[in-house]
Amino acid sequence: MSKPEKFFDDKGLRLDGRRIDEIRPMKIEVGVLSRADGSCYLEWGNNKVLAGVFGPRELHPRRMQRPDTAIVRYRYNMAAFSVEDRIRPGPNRRSTEISKVSREAFEPVVLTHLYPSAVIDVFTEVLQADAGTRTAAINAATIALADAGIPMKGLVSACAVGKVDGKLVLDLGKDEDNYGDADLPVAMTQDGDVTLIQMDGNLTQDEFKEAMELVKVGCKQILEIQREALKGKFDQFDTEEIEEETVAEAPKSEVEIDETVEVETEVVETEEEEVVETEEKVEEEVVADDENDEEPDENTDDEDVEEGETNE
């Protein structure tokens, strides 16, 4: 791929039609991996990144455990098919460096002291690369951590600023990254605290200050996209829970039926009691009649005896 003749058109727009302070379109999907505790799929321009979080879980071997805090392990990897020229699979010096600085970007926000002797594993896989993969992976890992329910002080957003043809531009594209004069990837919290900063190339002090102000604009835009993605998922869960509760509640007609059944049961029990009382009364009357029948016989015998005695 050859260097473009110019990076800006007559209207001051970049090669892909963006302004100098505009980021590439970003798409985020939350909870895409069923076996991970938290996951995210992110598309940023032509970048496609998958992130998965596993943990907190017990760390093995035990000699690596820390009794007062958890360990965050971060793995950045580019798939062999993620670039035009196939790369050698497996870790290399670049991926090891990016894994280290990305892990450090999350240390100030993840509340590791809540999980002593545990480990939180973060895996980021670049499926398709198109400049800015380390910042894209950090943005995806942030969503995956939040999806896993890992306590954090806030979200981490990452973006890069570069210098192209003497101008500072936000969120470098592939040609701008390959043929630009400088590249400055930055990660920061939602409060504006910088947790990662690297630079490739040369910038003056004034350009550096201007670049930091420009990157804040980009991180704020990304933070809003991250929030909307998380709200979309958790709002969906709230809606599903409400629907389940509504279905679980018995309809009014069923309640009326239950009350009717109870009333009928009470009526039946009352009728049974009345029948029992009636039977007892009948039995008492029968016993009384029997006694009355026996008494006249005894009187008759006595009268007959008296009459016999009189006749004698």
C-alpha atoms as a PDB file:
ATOM      1  CA  MET A   1       0.000   0.000   0.000  1.00  0.00           C
ATOM      2  CA  SER A   2       1.482   3.312  -1.074  1.00  0.00           C
ATOM      3  CA  LYS A   3       1.332   6.615   0.750  1.00  0.00           C
ATOM      4  CA  PRO A   4      -1.632   8.811  -0.213  1.00  0.00           C
ATOM      5  CA  GLU A   5      -0.831  12.002  -2.080  1.00  0.00           C
ATOM      6  CA  LYS A   6      -2.710  14.082   0.497  1.00  0.00           C
ATOM      7  CA  PHE A   7      -4.472  13.391   3.789  1.00  0.00           C
ATOM      8  CA  PHE A   8      -6.946  16.300   3.641  1.00  0.00           C
ATOM      9  CA  ASP A   9      -9.269  17.507   0.911  1.00  0.00           C
ATOM     10  CA  ASP A  10     -10.066  21.082  -0.007  1.00  0.00           C
ATOM     11  CA  LYS A  11     -12.695  21.284   2.765  1.00  0.00           C
ATOM     12  CA  GLY A  12     -10.232  20.154   5.425  1.00  0.00           C
ATOM     13  CA  LEU A  13     -11.799  16.694   5.761  1.00  0.00           C
ATOM     14  CA  ARG A  14      -9.720  13.558   6.127  1.00  0.00           C
ATOM     15  CA  LEU A  15      -9.448  10.594   3.769  1.00  0.00           C
ATOM     16  CA  ASP A  16     -12.573   8.899   5.164  1.00  0.00           C
ATOM     17  CA  GLY A  17     -14.567  12.132   5.336  1.00  0.00           C
ATOM     18  CA  ARG A  18     -14.112  12.769   9.062  1.00  0.00           C
ATOM     19  CA  ARG A  19     -13.244  16.026  10.755  1.00  0.00           C
ATOM     20  CA  ILE A  20      -9.999  16.276  12.705  1.00  0.00           C
ATOM     21  CA  ASP A  21     -11.852  15.892  16.052  1.00  0.00           C
ATOM     22  CA  GLU A  22     -14.199  13.064  15.010  1.00  0.00           C
ATOM     23  CA  ILE A  23     -13.787   9.396  15.873  1.00  0.00           C
ATOM     24  CA  ARG A  24     -14.649   6.451  13.645  1.00  0.00           C
ATOM     25  CA  PRO A  25     -18.063   4.793  14.004  1.00  0.00           C
ATOM     26  CA  MET A  26     -18.153   2.419  16.975  1.00  0.00           C
ATOM     27  CA  LYS A  27     -20.443  -0.539  17.601  1.00  0.00           C
ATOM     28  CA  ILE A  28     -20.536  -2.454  20.905  1.00  0.00           C
ATOM     29  CA  GLU A  29     -22.283  -5.706  21.798  1.00  0.00           C
ATOM     30  CA  VAL A  30     -22.324  -6.857  25.427  1.00  0.00           C
ATOM     31  CA  GLY A  31     -22.421 -10.454  26.674  1.00  0.00           C
ATOM     32  CA  VAL A  32     -21.514 -12.301  23.489  1.00  0.00           C
ATOM     33  CA  LEU A  33     -19.659 -15.222  25.141  1.00  0.00           C
ATOM     34  CA  SER A  34     -21.738 -17.632  27.208  1.00  0.00           C
ATOM     35  CA  ARG A  35     -18.782 -19.272  28.997  1.00  0.00           C
ATOM     36  CA  ALA A  36     -17.159 -16.008  30.084  1.00  0.00           C
ATOM     37  CA  ASP A  37     -18.207 -14.092  33.190  1.00  0.00           C
ATOM     38  CA  GLY A  38     -18.267 -10.954  31.058  1.00  0.00           C
ATOM     39  CA  SER A  39     -17.647 -10.306  27.372  1.00  0.00           C
ATOM     40  CA  CYS A  40     -17.815  -7.683  24.655  1.00  0.00           C
ATOM     41  CA  TYR A  41     -17.571  -7.486  20.893  1.00  0.00           C
ATOM     42  CA  LEU A  42     -16.434  -4.120  19.548  1.00  0.00           C
ATOM     43  CA  GLU A  43     -16.224  -2.741  16.021  1.00  0.00           C
ATOM     44  CA  TRP A  44     -14.388   0.540  15.623  1.00  0.00           C
ATOM     45  CA  GLY A  45     -13.993   1.514  12.013  1.00  0.00           C
ATOM     46  CA  ASN A  46     -12.589  -1.658  10.473  1.00  0.00           C
ATOM     47  CA  ASN A  47     -11.228  -2.894  13.813  1.00  0.00           C
ATOM     48  CA  LYS A  48     -12.994  -5.941  15.226  1.00  0.00           C
ATOM     49  CA  VAL A  49     -12.093  -6.931  18.780  1.00  0.00           C
ATOM     50  CA  LEU A  50     -13.442  -9.594  21.122  1.00  0.00           C
ATOM     51  CA  ALA A  51     -12.887  -9.355  24.885  1.00  0.00           C
ATOM     52  CA  GLY A  52     -13.651 -11.883  27.623  1.00  0.00           C
ATOM     53  CA  VAL A  53     -13.309 -11.703  31.409  1.00  0.00           C
ATOM     54  CA  PHE A  54     -13.012 -14.731  33.703  1.00  0.00           C
ATOM     55  CA  GLY A  55     -13.124 -14.324  37.451  1.00  0.00           C
ATOM     56  CA  PRO A  56     -12.631 -13.394  40.159  1.00  0.00           C
ATOM     57  CA  ARG A  57     -11.437 -16.950  40.774  1.00  0.00           C
ATOM     58  CA  GLU A  58      -8.799 -18.720  42.811  1.00  0.00           C
ATOM     59  CA  LEU A  59      -5.283 -18.156  41.560  1.00  0.00           C
ATOM     60  CA  HIS A  60      -3.019 -21.112  40.869  1.00  0.00           C
ATOM     61  CA  PRO A  61      -0.266 -21.795  41.685  1.00  0.00           C
ATOM     62  CA  ARG A  62      -0.887 -20.594  45.234  1.00  0.00           C
ATOM     63  CA  ARG A  63       2.602 -19.089  45.542  1.00  0.00           C
ATOM     64  CA  MET A  64       1.461 -16.335  43.139  1.00  0.00           C
ATOM     65  CA  GLN A  65      -1.462 -15.326  45.350  1.00  0.00           C
ATOM     66  CA  ARG A  66      -1.512 -12.047  47.217  1.00  0.00           C
ATOM     67  CA  PRO A  67      -3.243 -12.272  50.606  1.00  0.00           C
ATOM     68  CA  ASP A  68      -4.552  -8.688  50.528  1.00  0.00           C
ATOM     69  CA  THR A  69      -5.542  -8.157  46.903  1.00  0.00           C
ATOM     70  CA  ALA A  70      -6.443  -9.775  43.585  1.00  0.00           C
ATOM     71  CA  ILE A  71      -4.220  -9.944  40.539  1.00  0.00           C
ATOM     72  CA  VAL A  72      -5.377  -8.644  37.164  1.00  0.00           C
ATOM     73  CA  ARG A  73      -3.943 -10.507  34.187  1.00  0.00           C
ATOM     74  CA  TYR A  74      -4.399  -8.954  30.749  1.00  0.00           C
ATOM     75  CA  ARG A  75      -3.661 -10.681  27.472  1.00  0.00           C
ATOM     76  CA  TYR A  76      -3.624  -8.814  24.161  1.00  0.00           C
ATOM     77  CA  ASN A  77      -3.340 -10.911  21.035  1.00  0.00           C
ATOM     78  CA  MET A  78      -3.721 -10.369  17.318  1.00  0.00           C
ATOM     79  CA  ALA A  79      -5.095 -13.268  15.343  1.00  0.00           C
ATOM     80  CA  ALA A  80      -2.907 -14.530  12.532  1.00  0.00           C
ATOM     81  CA  PHE A  81      -5.591 -13.526   9.995  1.00  0.00           C
ATOM     82  CA  SER A  82      -6.239 -10.064  11.468  1.00  0.00           C
ATOM     83  CA  VAL A  83      -3.935  -8.257   9.010  1.00  0.00           C
ATOM     84  CA  GLU A  84      -3.379  -8.458   5.284  1.00  0.00           C
ATOM     85  CA  ASP A  85      -0.043 -10.238   5.610  1.00  0.00           C
ATOM     86  CA  ARG A  86      -0.449 -13.237   7.881  1.00  0.00           C
ATOM     87  CA  ILE A  87       1.470 -12.856  11.135  1.00  0.00           C
ATOM     88  CA  ARG A  88       3.030 -15.557  13.243  1.00  0.00           C
ATOM     89  CA  PRO A  89       0.526 -16.791  15.834  1.00  0.00           C
ATOM     90  CA  GLY A  90       1.311 -16.613  19.524  1.00  0.00           C
ATOM     91  CA  PRO A  91       2.815 -13.966  21.792  1.00  0.00           C
ATOM     92  CA  ASN A  92       5.573 -11.671  20.625  1.00  0.00           C
ATOM     93  CA  ARG A  93       7.428  -8.655  21.974  1.00  0.00           C
ATOM     94  CA  ARG A  94       4.754  -6.179  20.813  1.00  0.00           C
ATOM     95  CA  SER A  95       1.808  -8.104  22.256  1.00  0.00           C
ATOM     96  CA  THR A  96       3.671  -8.616  25.548  1.00  0.00           C
ATOM     97  CA  GLU A  97       4.325  -4.883  25.851  1.00  0.00           C
ATOM     98  CA  ILE A  98       0.727  -3.931  25.029  1.00  0.00           C
ATOM     99  CA  SER A  99      -0.574  -6.524  27.503  1.00  0.00           C
ATOM    100  CA  LYS A 100       1.551  -5.005  30.262  1.00  0.00           C
ATOM    101  CA  VAL A 101       0.617  -1.358  29.700  1.00  0.00           C
ATOM    102  CA  SER A 102      -3.060  -2.245  29.201  1.00  0.00           C
ATOM    103  CA  ARG A 103      -3.148  -4.153  32.492  1.00  0.00           C
ATOM    104  CA  GLU A 104      -1.660  -1.136  34.233  1.00  0.00           C
ATOM    105  CA  ALA A 105      -4.376   1.023  32.692  1.00  0.00           C
ATOM    106  CA  PHE A 106      -6.999  -0.836  34.772  1.00  0.00           C
ATOM    107  CA  GLU A 107      -5.091  -1.010  38.072  1.00  0.00           C
ATOM    108  CA  PRO A 108      -6.297   2.414  39.347  1.00  0.00           C
ATOM    109  CA  VAL A 109      -9.992   1.630  38.769  1.00  0.00           C
ATOM    110  CA  VAL A 110     -10.473  -2.076  39.549  1.00  0.00           C
ATOM    111  CA  LEU A 111     -11.198  -2.655  43.261  1.00  0.00           C
ATOM    112  CA  THR A 112      -8.868  -5.612  43.628  1.00  0.00           C
ATOM    113  CA  HIS A 113      -8.751  -5.395  47.450  1.00  0.00           C
ATOM    114  CA  LEU A 114     -12.246  -6.907  47.565  1.00  0.00           C
ATOM    115  CA  TYR A 115     -10.949 -10.248  46.267  1.00  0.00           C
ATOM    116  CA  PRO A 116      -7.790 -11.269  48.123  1.00  0.00           C
ATOM    117  CA  SER A 117      -5.847 -14.258  46.798  1.00  0.00           C
ATOM    118  CA  ALA A 118      -7.914 -14.199  43.584  1.00  0.00           C
ATOM    119  CA  VAL A 119      -7.206 -13.489  39.936  1.00  0.00           C
ATOM    120  CA  ILE A 120      -9.160 -11.625  37.251  1.00  0.00           C
ATOM    121  CA  ASP A 121      -8.235 -12.703  33.734  1.00  0.00           C
ATOM    122  CA  VAL A 122      -8.894 -10.382  30.797  1.00  0.00           C
ATOM    123  CA  PHE A 123      -8.451 -11.728  27.275  1.00  0.00           C
ATOM    124  CA  THR A 124      -8.610  -9.464  24.213  1.00  0.00           C
ATOM    125  CA  GLU A 125      -8.424 -10.897  20.720  1.00  0.00           C
ATOM    126  CA  VAL A 126      -8.049  -8.686  17.652  1.00  0.00           C
ATOM    127  CA  LEU A 127      -9.965 -10.396  14.859  1.00  0.00           C
ATOM    128  CA  GLN A 128      -9.401  -7.644  12.306  1.00  0.00           C
ATOM    129  CA  ALA A 129      -6.865  -4.836  12.625  1.00  0.00           C
ATOM    130  CA  ASP A 130      -7.117  -1.338  11.199  1.00  0.00           C
ATOM    131  CA  ALA A 131      -5.022   1.012  13.398  1.00  0.00           C
ATOM    132  CA  GLY A 132      -5.645   1.733  17.067  1.00  0.00           C
ATOM    133  CA  THR A 133      -6.068  -1.900  18.116  1.00  0.00           C
ATOM    134  CA  ARG A 134      -4.646  -1.404  21.635  1.00  0.00           C
ATOM    135  CA  THR A 135      -7.112   1.386  22.403  1.00  0.00           C
ATOM    136  CA  ALA A 136      -9.959  -0.616  20.870  1.00  0.00           C
ATOM    137  CA  ALA A 137      -9.024  -3.607  23.035  1.00  0.00           C
ATOM    138  CA  ILE A 138      -9.014  -1.451  26.192  1.00  0.00           C
ATOM    139  CA  ASN A 139     -12.478  -0.090  25.366  1.00  0.00           C
ATOM    140  CA  ALA A 140     -13.785  -3.626  24.825  1.00  0.00           C
ATOM    141  CA  ALA A 141     -12.111  -4.929  28.006  1.00  0.00           C
ATOM    142  CA  THR A 142     -13.773  -2.153  30.043  1.00  0.00           C
ATOM    143  CA  ILE A 143     -17.224  -3.265  28.900  1.00  0.00           C
ATOM    144  CA  ALA A 144     -16.371  -6.916  29.554  1.00  0.00           C
ATOM    145  CA  LEU A 145     -15.251  -6.110  33.110  1.00  0.00           C
ATOM    146  CA  ALA A 146     -18.474  -4.213  33.762  1.00  0.00           C
ATOM    147  CA  ASP A 147     -20.490  -7.073  32.253  1.00  0.00           C
ATOM    148  CA  ALA A 148     -18.729  -9.495  34.613  1.00  0.00           C
ATOM    149  CA  GLY A 149     -19.777  -7.388  37.593  1.00  0.00           C
ATOM    150  CA  ILE A 150     -16.226  -6.513  38.602  1.00  0.00           C
ATOM    151  CA  PRO A 151     -16.369  -3.541  41.027  1.00  0.00           C
ATOM    152  CA  MET A 152     -14.649  -0.505  39.491  1.00  0.00           C
ATOM    153  CA  LYS A 153     -14.395   3.165  40.331  1.00  0.00           C
ATOM    154  CA  GLY A 154     -15.461   3.957  36.783  1.00  0.00           C
ATOM    155  CA  LEU A 155     -15.104   3.047  33.138  1.00  0.00           C
ATOM    156  CA  VAL A 156     -11.864   3.425  31.198  1.00  0.00           C
ATOM    157  CA  SER A 157     -11.945   4.942  27.720  1.00  0.00           C
ATOM    158  CA  ALA A 158      -9.026   4.949  25.295  1.00  0.00           C
ATOM    159  CA  CYS A 159      -8.295   6.843  22.098  1.00  0.00           C
ATOM    160  CA  ALA A 160      -5.302   7.979  20.071  1.00  0.00           C
ATOM    161  CA  VAL A 161      -4.183  11.320  18.648  1.00  0.00           C
ATOM    162  CA  GLY A 162      -1.734  11.614  15.788  1.00  0.00           C
ATOM    163  CA  LYS A 163       0.097  14.170  13.720  1.00  0.00           C
ATOM    164  CA  VAL A 164      -0.497  14.035   9.963  1.00  0.00           C
ATOM    165  CA  ASP A 165       0.890  16.624   7.545  1.00  0.00           C
ATOM    166  CA  GLY A 166       1.567  18.939  10.451  1.00  0.00           C
ATOM    167  CA  LYS A 167      -1.990  18.706  11.836  1.00  0.00           C
ATOM    168  CA  LEU A 168      -3.214  16.923  14.923  1.00  0.00           C
ATOM    169  CA  VAL A 169      -6.058  14.499  14.225  1.00  0.00           C
ATOM    170  CA  LEU A 170      -8.162  12.318  16.511  1.00  0.00           C
ATOM    171  CA  ASP A 171      -8.455   8.537  16.159  1.00  0.00           C
ATOM    172  CA  LEU A 172      -5.958   7.713  13.432  1.00  0.00           C
ATOM    173  CA  GLY A 173      -6.993   5.602  10.470  1.00  0.00           C
ATOM    174  CA  LYS A 174      -4.776   2.981   8.892  1.00  0.00           C
ATOM    175  CA  ASP A 175      -3.014   5.255   6.373  1.00  0.00           C
ATOM    176  CA  GLU A 176      -2.705   8.042   8.946  1.00  0.00           C
ATOM    177  CA  ASP A 177      -1.134   5.604  11.394  1.00  0.00           C
ATOM    178  CA  ASN A 178       1.270   4.113   8.864  1.00  0.00           C
ATOM    179  CA  TYR A 179       2.423   7.376   7.249  1.00  0.00           C
ATOM    180  CA  GLY A 180       1.815   9.925  10.015  1.00  0.00           C
ATOM    181  CA  ASP A 181       4.435  11.844  11.975  1.00  0.00           C
ATOM    182  CA  ALA A 182       3.352  10.836  15.482  1.00  0.00           C
ATOM    183  CA  ASP A 183       0.962   8.559  17.341  1.00  0.00           C
ATOM    184  CA  LEU A 184      -0.193   9.171  20.930  1.00  0.00           C
ATOM    185  CA  PRO A 185      -2.522   6.483  22.402  1.00  0.00           C
ATOM    186  CA  VAL A 186      -4.093   7.508  25.728  1.00  0.00           C
ATOM    187  CA  ALA A 187      -6.444   5.825  28.214  1.00  0.00           C
ATOM    188  CA  MET A 188      -8.259   7.720  30.957  1.00  0.00           C
ATOM    189  CA  THR A 189     -10.980   7.251  33.525  1.00  0.00           C
ATOM    190  CA  GLN A 190     -14.359   8.921  33.356  1.00  0.00           C
ATOM    191  CA  ASP A 191     -13.003  11.504  35.829  1.00  0.00           C
ATOM    192  CA  GLY A 192     -10.253  12.472  33.401  1.00  0.00           C
ATOM    193  CA  ASP A 193      -7.356  10.714  35.142  1.00  0.00           C
ATOM    194  CA  VAL A 194      -4.827   9.337  32.654  1.00  0.00           C
ATOM    195  CA  THR A 195      -4.030   5.643  33.201  1.00  0.00           C
ATOM    196  CA  LEU A 196      -2.078   4.959  30.007  1.00  0.00           C
ATOM    197  CA  ILE A 197      -0.015   7.128  27.688  1.00  0.00           C
ATOM    198  CA  GLN A 198       2.469   6.136  24.980  1.00  0.00           C
ATOM    199  CA  MET A 199       3.963   8.032  22.108  1.00  0.00           C
ATOM    200  CA  ASP A 200       5.566   7.079  18.840  1.00  0.00           C
ATOM    201  CA  GLY A 201       7.126   9.999  16.952  1.00  0.00           C
ATOM    202  CA  ASN A 202       7.866  13.596  17.884  1.00  0.00           C
ATOM    203  CA  LEU A 203       5.629  16.340  19.240  1.00  0.00           C
ATOM    204  CA  THR A 204       6.489  19.764  20.602  1.00  0.00           C
ATOM    205  CA  GLN A 205       5.308  20.776  24.069  1.00  0.00           C
ATOM    206  CA  ASP A 206       2.521  22.920  22.621  1.00  0.00           C
ATOM    207  CA  GLU A 207       1.467  20.111  20.285  1.00  0.00           C
ATOM    208  CA  PHE A 208       1.480  17.670  23.164  1.00  0.00           C
ATOM    209  CA  LYS A 209      -0.796  19.888  25.259  1.00  0.00           C
ATOM    210  CA  GLU A 210      -3.125  20.375  22.313  1.00  0.00           C
ATOM    211  CA  ALA A 211      -3.128  16.626  21.669  1.00  0.00           C
ATOM    212  CA  MET A 212      -4.126  15.896  25.278  1.00  0.00           C
ATOM    213  CA  GLU A 213      -7.052  18.294  25.036  1.00  0.00           C
ATOM    214  CA  LEU A 214      -8.092  16.679  21.763  1.00  0.00           C
ATOM    215  CA  VAL A 215      -7.882  13.160  23.141  1.00  0.00           C
ATOM    216  CA  LYS A 216     -10.159  14.143  26.039  1.00  0.00           C
ATOM    217  CA  VAL A 217     -12.819  15.005  23.486  1.00  0.00           C
ATOM    218  CA  GLY A 218     -12.470  11.571  21.905  1.00  0.00           C
ATOM    219  CA  CYS A 219     -12.564   9.718  25.250  1.00  0.00           C
ATOM    220  CA  LYS A 220     -15.745  11.551  26.237  1.00  0.00           C
ATOM    221  CA  GLN A 221     -17.406  10.465  23.005  1.00  0.00           C
ATOM    222  CA  ILE A 222     -16.333   6.860  23.589  1.00  0.00           C
ATOM    223  CA  LEU A 223     -17.482   6.978  27.227  1.00  0.00           C
ATOM    224  CA  GLU A 224     -21.001   7.911  26.118  1.00  0.00           C
ATOM    225  CA  ILE A 225     -21.044   4.997  23.656  1.00  0.00           C
ATOM    226  CA  GLN A 226     -19.878   2.618  26.392  1.00  0.00           C
ATOM    227  CA  ARG A 227     -22.556   3.840  28.789  1.00  0.00           C
ATOM    228  CA  GLU A 228     -25.298   3.461  26.207  1.00  0.00           C
ATOM    229  CA  ALA A 229     -24.166  -0.096  25.444  1.00  0.00           C
ATOM    230  CA  LEU A 230     -24.287  -1.074  29.128  1.00  0.00           C
ATOM    231  CA  LYS A 231     -27.607   0.676  29.683  1.00  0.00           C
ATOM    232  CA  GLY A 232     -29.061  -1.180  26.710  1.00  0.00           C
ATOM    233  CA  LYS A 233     -28.174  -4.535  28.220  1.00  0.00           C
ATOM    234  CA  PHE A 234     -29.180  -3.873  31.825  1.00  0.00           C
ATOM    235  CA  ASP A 235     -32.390  -2.089  30.820  1.00  0.00           C
ATOM    236  CA  GLN A 236     -33.257  -5.198  28.834  1.00  0.00           C
ATOM    237  CA  PHE A 237     -32.665  -7.354  31.929  1.00  0.00           C
ATOM    238  CA  ASP A 238     -34.905  -5.088  34.023  1.00  0.00           C
ATOM    239  CA  THR A 239     -37.669  -5.356  31.407  1.00  0.00           C
ATOM    240  CA  GLU A 240     -37.400  -9.153  31.343  1.00  0.00           C
ATOM    241  CA  GLU A 241     -37.575  -9.337  35.153  1.00  0.00           C
ATOM    242  CA  ILE A 242     -40.680  -7.139  35.198  1.00  0.00           C
ATOM    243  CA  GLU A 243     -42.339  -9.331  32.572  1.00  0.00           C
ATOM    244  CA  GLU A 244     -41.517 -12.473  34.582  1.00  0.00           C
ATOM    245  CA  GLU A 245     -42.971 -10.946  37.743  1.00  0.00           C
ATOM    246  CA  THR A 246     -46.128  -9.960  35.841  1.00  0.00           C
ATOM    247  CA  VAL A 247     -46.558 -13.477  34.491  1.00  0.00           C
ATOM    248  CA  ALA A 248     -45.948 -14.955  37.945  1.00  0.00           C
ATOM    249  CA  GLU A 249     -48.776 -12.923  39.459  1.00  0.00           C
ATOM    250  CA  ALA A 250     -52.148 -14.712  39.379  1.00  0.00           C
ATOM    251  CA  PRO A 251     -54.852 -13.068  37.245  1.00  0.00           C
ATOM    252  CA  LYS A 252     -57.883 -11.604  38.967  1.00  0.00           C
ATOM    253  CA  SER A 253     -60.222 -14.283  37.614  1.00  0.00           C
ATOM    254  CA  GLU A 254     -58.072 -17.008  39.154  1.00  0.00           C
ATOM    255  CA  VAL A 255     -58.194 -15.256  42.520  1.00  0.00           C
ATOM    256  CA  GLU A 256     -61.986 -15.053  42.307  1.00  0.00           C
ATOM    257  CA  ILE A 257     -62.138 -18.735  41.451  1.00  0.00           C
ATOM    258  CA  ASP A 258     -59.973 -19.561  44.448  1.00  0.00           C
ATOM    259  CA  GLU A 259     -62.238 -17.506  46.715  1.00  0.00           C
ATOM    260  CA  THR A 260     -65.318 -19.229  45.276  1.00  0.00           C
ATOM    261  CA  VAL A 261     -63.747 -22.603  45.890  1.00  0.00           C
ATOM    262  CA  GLU A 262     -63.026 -21.621  49.478  1.00  0.00           C
ATOM    263  CA  VAL A 263     -66.623 -20.444  49.964  1.00  0.00           C
ATOM    264  CA  GLU A 264     -68.003 -23.635  48.443  1.00  0.00           C
ATOM    265  CA  THR A 265     -65.691 -25.658  50.705  1.00  0.00           C
ATOM    266  CA  GLU A 266     -67.005 -23.795  53.726  1.00  0.00           C
ATOM    267  CA  VAL A 267     -70.608 -24.407  52.595  1.00  0.00           C
ATOM    268  CA  VAL A 268     -69.906 -28.099  52.123  1.00  0.00           C
ATOM    269  CA  GLU A 269     -68.299 -28.286  55.560  1.00  0.00           C
ATOM    270  CA  THR A 270     -71.334 -26.520  57.063  1.00  0.00           C
ATOM    271  CA  GLU A 271     -73.694 -28.911  55.329  1.00  0.00           C
ATOM    272  CA  GLU A 272     -71.670 -31.854  56.599  1.00  0.00           C
ATOM    273  CA  GLU A 273     -71.879 -30.480  60.140  1.00  0.00           C
ATOM    274  CA  GLU A 274     -75.643 -30.029  59.780  1.00  0.00           C
ATOM    275  CA  VAL A 275     -76.000 -33.596  58.507  1.00  0.00           C
ATOM    276  CA  VAL A 276     -73.970 -34.893  61.416  1.00  0.00           C
ATOM    277  CA  GLU A 277     -76.073 -32.894  63.887  1.00  0.00           C
ATOM    278  CA  THR A 278     -79.270 -34.152  62.228  1.00  0.00           C
ATOM    279  CA  GLU A 279     -78.063 -37.744  62.449  1.00  0.00           C
ATOM    280  CA  GLU A 280     -77.235 -37.270  66.126  1.00  0.00           C
ATOM    281  CA  LYS A 281     -80.680 -35.814  66.765  1.00  0.00           C
ATOM    282  CA  VAL A 282     -82.320 -38.723  64.940  1.00  0.00           C
ATOM    283  CA  GLU A 283     -80.317 -41.200  66.957  1.00  0.00           C
ATOM    284  CA  GLU A 284     -81.329 -39.455  70.179  1.00  0.00           C
ATOM    285  CA  GLU A 285     -85.014 -39.536  69.147  1.00  0.00           C
ATOM    286  CA  VAL A 286     -84.787 -43.215  68.272  1.00  0.00           C
ATOM    287  CA  VAL A 287     -83.216 -43.996  71.613  1.00  0.00           C
ATOM    288  CA  ALA A 288     -85.922 -41.966  73.372  1.00  0.00           C
ATOM    289  CA  ASP A 289     -88.685 -43.817  71.504  1.00  0.00           C
ATOM    290  CA  ASP A 290     -87.172 -47.121  72.419  1.00  0.00           C
ATOM    291  CA  GLU A 291     -87.130 -46.170  76.052  1.00  0.00           C
ATOM    292  CA  ASN A 292     -90.750 -44.992  75.879  1.00  0.00           C
ATOM    293  CA  ASP A 293     -91.772 -48.257  74.256  1.00  0.00           C
ATOM    294  CA  GLU A 294     -90.170 -50.286  77.013  1.00  0.00           C
ATOM    295  CA  GLU A 295     -91.764 -48.287  79.877  1.00  0.00           C
ATOM    296  CA  PRO A 296     -95.389 -49.069  78.957  1.00  0.00           C
ATOM    297  CA  ASP A 297     -94.598 -52.780  78.887  1.00  0.00           C
ATOM    298  CA  GLU A 298     -93.270 -52.653  82.410  1.00  0.00           C
ATOM    299  CA  ASN A 299     -96.322 -50.744  83.607  1.00  0.00           C
ATOM    300  CA  THR A 300     -98.624 -53.209  81.915  1.00  0.00           C
ATOM    301  CA  ASP A 301     -96.962 -56.124  83.594  1.00  0.00           C
ATOM    302  CA  ASP A 302     -97.301 -54.470  86.957  1.00  0.00           C
ATOM    303  CA  GLU A 303    -100.974 -53.787  86.346  1.00  0.00           C
ATOM    304  CA  ASP A 304    -101.538 -57.375  85.286  1.00  0.00           C
ATOM    305  CA  VAL A 305     -99.804 -58.595  88.404  1.00  0.00           C
ATOM    306  CA  GLU A 306    -101.904 -56.362  90.593  1.00  0.00           C
ATOM    307  CA  GLU A 307    -105.074 -57.490  88.911  1.00  0.00           C
ATOM    308  CA  GLY A 308    -104.016 -61.144  89.340  1.00  0.00           C
ATOM    309  CA  GLU A 309    -103.326 -60.619  92.955  1.00  0.00           C
ATOM    310  CA  THR A 310    -106.698 -58.908  93.394  1.00  0.00           C
ATOM    311  CA  ASN A 311    -108.512 -61.724  91.677  1.00  0.00           C
ATOM    312  CA  GLU A 312    -106.824 -64.186  93.931  1.00  0.00           C
END
